[in-house]
Amino acid sequence: MRAKIFNSLILAALFVGAAFVSVGSAADPESPMSEQYWEYWNDDVQKEIDERIEKYRKADCEFQLDDVKEGSVVKVEQISSDFLFGAHIFNFDQLGSDELNAKYKNLYGTLFNQATIAFYWKTLEPVQGSPRFEQKFEDTAEFWNNVEDPKSQPHWRRPAPDPVVAFCESKGLQTTGHTIIWGNRRWQHPDWLPKDAENIDEMERLFEKRIREIAERYQDRLSRWDVVNESSVDFNAQGTKSAYGLMPEDYAYKSFMIAGDAFPNTTEFNINDYSVNDQYAAQIADLVNRGARIDNVGIQMHLFNPADTLGIAEGKAIQTPDVQKARLSAADKAGLPLVLSEITITAPNDDERGRAIQAVVARNLYRYWFSWPTMRSVVWWNVVDDCGAPGEPTTSGLFTRQMEPKPSYFALKNLILNEWRTNFEVTAESKNPTINFRGFKGSYRVTYVDNADKEQTTTIVVK
């Protein structure tokens, strides 16, 4: 039966253009996944996932049309999903050619309906008092198309946010600003930020200035913000003691309170962390009980080490359904919606088998996450190979560095734009037909012919 699952759920997704990537079956020694892997992802697990998807991701809908030509076809097409399938957009105009940039941008608004925009303080304001919100020549495609070593540039993966925000608005995307306050010295804090105990009050003042400056400029243009990143390690810290070094006392609480005052009420606030345990849930409960507004619990899942993905294929107990259940259940203790804010699935080798392993792992994990009742979104981190931060794997993209799609791209595309979309046609049996169906939550376009033989279109929303 496991071979049947593999063939029906995986092989159909692994097309690259017109070429089929043969990866065998679960019973085949040439399959990329071991028998033990399919013991974890067995028939019962797959059935449970399907049942949860049916229960939590679909809704019943009934609507009536007027003045329909009897006997004509009514076409119902899902055009958007209520669930957010996202990716960061850190390589905006940075891929080295207009052709590659166009392919990259085209993913947003098609495969991805959400984008995470870089607002890392260190590169956003390298010179104190001069944040680089606006695009300058150094942020243009012309600049990046002529740079020999893009990774050597200090603003690699850190485009000026104004043009990125405008692009996302033009595509109708949900957006997340990442991240406002984070203790990490290497990636977040500008070199000019005071880091000594004598200037802790100044650091706190600059934190508030940053929050209010961003809020004033963008108001409600972004859907949500990662207000505080990776702060659970500091939940029980005393005073200004922090895992990252010196930080203002109780900075997570103060940051959320300032953000709540500065941003419109329509803007959602995330807390975000890689550590998902009872301490994280306790921190969130403490913040909320003291009046902080937190709308979503952000969690991360990074398979950075290629050996881990290879271990999954070999049947090691890494990111199994039971592991997922434990992590998501722990996050649920906060009593808020979940967002998988950052996920990385690395192909263990840059070859056919390694890419097939990445696709199988991605497909099963996405199915599990999509089925989880409190999950709202999943955000793939590095879309393109060799475009991560230093230390991140070079083969964790859905595309090669030349924007050639990998099997993992087709696996996700098949899920997001095919399996998890509802489309059908019915014949109108009267001029005022009532149409009932159960479909995936989102927006639908309804097309029909009226009694004057004119095509009409309307939109409905399934919630």
Foldseek 3Di string as FASTA:
>chain_A
DQQVVCVVQAQVLQDFVPDGQDQDGAVDPSHLFHVLLCVLVDPVVVVLLVVLCQVFFKDKDKDKDFQFDFQWKKWKWFQDFQFFAAAEPLCQLQLQDPVLNVLSLVCDLALGQEYEAEDAAQQQPLDPPDGQQDDDPCQHNVNNNPDPDLLVDPSQSPHRNNVVLVSSVVSNGAYEYPALDELAPPTHDHPPQDQDPVCQVVNLVVSLVSLQVVCVVCAPSHQEYQQYEAQLQCLPPDAQDGPRHGHGPPSVLVSQVSNVVRHDPRHAYEHAHQDQALSLLVSLLVSVVVPGGHAEYEYEAEPQALVLLSVSSHNDPDPGLVVVVVRVVSSCSNVHAYEDPEYWQFQSDPDSSSLSSSQVVLLVVVSSQSSDNRYRYHYYYAQEAPSDHPPGHRGRHCAYSSRRGTSNVSSSCCVRVPVQIDIDMDGRNDSIDMDMDMHGFHKMKMWGAGPVRDIDIDMDTGD
